[in-house]
Amino acid sequence: MGLYRDEGVILRTAKLGEADRIITILTRGHGKIRAVAKGVRRTKSRFGARLEPFMRADLLIAEGRALDTVSQAESIAAYGAVIAVDYNAYEAANVIVETIDKLASSEHECVPAQYQLLIGALNALAKHAHAPRAISGSYVMRALSLAGWTPRMGTCVVCGQRMGSYFSIASGGVMCEADHTTDARRIPPRALQEFQALVQGDWTVLDGVPLQRVTEELVEDWAEYYLERPIRSLRLIDS
């Protein structure tokens, strides 16, 4: 069993025994891993502070039979410290890490583009670059697009010619008046514009006014349909 070094973002933690935790991490070079962090629940553990959710750290990890073990952790970016004191940012960050945790379903599968998108979203939250809900909504749609689920927004998914004012989750995009199916919903033009801007990360559209409720519903429904399970953190925001 050997050692490897990688950087990663802490997605979630779970208690193990009296003083340890199991840490779920998305790493740059080794994909998603689960590893034991020993002694991190002790009050005076500086090591533990670097392994809290949303933190980005340089890690030295020892390979194990069932679970790896985090041997060293040095902070790269303390996103979590800033995000945790802003409730709206904290809600958005939970949506972000839950999304990638579900998307990266296989451990040790390298997903460098998803990792880069993740740290970009957390960095934007920590810097208050945009509204938290817009950041998390855009992250969800862009992460799903990277995974191959990009909605078709330009022309009708049926005829491929006319512009659409209806939207079908199951069919993958907009539909025109003539060809829309029974499951398609009529969506206001502004909401379709916002939804497309979330997919593209177009902040000239997204900045300035809050997202319409129908836009947020499209994000939630799109993610649940293609992930085949809900993003519970999105439902908590809505409740």
Foldseek 3Di string as FASTA:
>chain_A
DAKDKWKWFWLAWDDDPDAKIWTWTATQQFGTFIAIEGRLRDPPDPQVLQRHHGWIWIFMWADDDPHIYTPGTDGDDPLVVQQVVPVLSVLLLNLLSLLSCLVSVDGRDRDNVLRVLNNVLSVCSSVVVAGSVLSSLLSLLQSVVVVPQHADQAPALVPRPHHFQWADLVSRYGHHPVDDDPRIHGHDPLLSVSLVCSNVVPVVSPHDDHHDPVNLVVSQVNSCVVSVHGSVSSVVVVD
